[in-house]
Protein backbone atom coordinates (compact mmCIF):
# COMPACT_ATOMS: atom_id res chain seq x y z
CA MET A 1 38.74 110.88 -39.75
CA GLU A 2 38.28 107.11 -39.70
CA SER A 3 37.53 105.38 -42.98
CA SER A 4 34.74 102.84 -43.26
CA PHE A 5 36.58 101.12 -46.12
CA SER A 6 37.48 97.50 -45.38
CA THR A 7 39.99 95.37 -47.22
CA PRO A 8 38.98 92.10 -48.82
CA PHE A 9 40.91 90.35 -46.03
CA ASP A 10 38.83 92.10 -43.39
CA SER A 11 35.66 91.23 -45.27
CA VAL A 12 36.51 87.51 -45.47
CA THR A 13 37.53 87.39 -41.82
CA GLU A 14 34.36 89.16 -40.72
CA SER A 15 32.20 86.86 -42.85
CA ALA A 16 33.87 83.81 -41.29
CA ARG A 17 33.41 85.21 -37.78
CA LYS A 18 29.75 85.92 -38.51
CA ARG A 19 29.20 82.32 -39.63
CA LEU A 20 30.97 80.96 -36.53
CA ARG A 21 28.93 83.24 -34.24
CA SER A 22 25.71 81.86 -35.73
CA SER A 23 26.54 78.31 -34.61
CA PRO A 24 24.11 76.71 -32.15
CA TYR A 25 27.18 75.45 -30.24
CA LEU A 26 28.47 78.16 -27.91
CA PRO A 27 32.12 76.98 -27.94
CA VAL A 28 32.21 77.23 -31.76
CA ARG A 29 31.22 80.90 -31.46
CA SER A 30 34.42 81.66 -29.55
CA LEU A 31 36.85 80.34 -32.18
CA SER A 32 39.20 82.77 -33.83
CA CYS A 33 40.01 82.96 -37.50
CA GLU A 34 42.68 84.57 -39.62
CA PHE A 35 42.68 85.05 -43.39
CA ASP A 36 45.75 85.54 -45.53
CA ARG A 37 46.31 84.94 -49.25
CA GLY A 38 43.34 82.65 -49.77
CA VAL A 39 43.92 80.61 -46.61
CA LEU A 40 41.50 80.82 -43.68
CA ARG A 41 42.86 79.43 -40.40
CA LEU A 42 40.57 78.41 -37.56
CA ARG A 43 42.01 78.40 -34.05
CA GLY A 44 40.76 77.65 -30.60
CA ARG A 45 39.68 74.73 -28.46
CA LEU A 46 36.59 72.55 -28.64
CA SER A 47 35.47 69.51 -26.70
CA SER A 48 34.63 67.25 -29.66
CA PHE A 49 35.70 66.42 -33.20
CA TYR A 50 32.06 66.89 -34.19
CA GLN A 51 32.17 70.56 -33.16
CA LYS A 52 35.52 70.97 -34.93
CA GLN A 53 33.97 69.64 -38.14
CA LEU A 54 30.90 71.87 -37.74
CA ALA A 55 33.17 74.91 -37.41
CA GLN A 56 35.03 73.98 -40.57
CA GLN A 57 31.82 73.37 -42.52
CA ALA A 58 30.50 76.75 -41.41
CA VAL A 59 33.25 78.61 -43.26
CA VAL A 60 33.63 76.39 -46.32
CA GLY A 61 32.54 78.15 -49.49
CA LEU A 62 33.26 81.71 -48.44
CA SER A 63 34.20 83.87 -51.39
CA GLY A 64 37.97 84.29 -51.60
CA VAL A 65 38.77 81.27 -49.42
CA GLU A 66 40.80 78.71 -51.35
CA GLU A 67 41.73 76.59 -48.34
CA VAL A 68 40.54 76.16 -44.76
CA VAL A 69 43.22 75.12 -42.27
CA ASN A 70 41.53 73.81 -39.15
CA GLU A 71 43.99 74.25 -36.27
CA VAL A 72 41.31 73.79 -33.62
CA VAL A 73 42.47 71.63 -30.72
CA VAL A 74 40.05 69.00 -29.44
CA ALA A 75 40.34 68.50 -25.70
CA PRO A 76 37.74 67.60 -23.10
CA ALA A 77 36.51 70.44 -20.93
CA ILE A 78 38.20 70.67 -17.57
């Protein structure tokens, strides 16, 4: 039987993903995130520094997140 219990790590990661998915910018919605020991890492590729900053601002202030490490690569779309 599968448990519906989620760890705090899962909860923070899911909350961050939910915030990213609510962005009006489609590429921001596809970013990945990983949470471990108070650090939330954002990863992926975006076409502007503006979008990178929006992604970071979307997850700032989540409960349990002490630091956001924005590893998003900015590169023009091909």
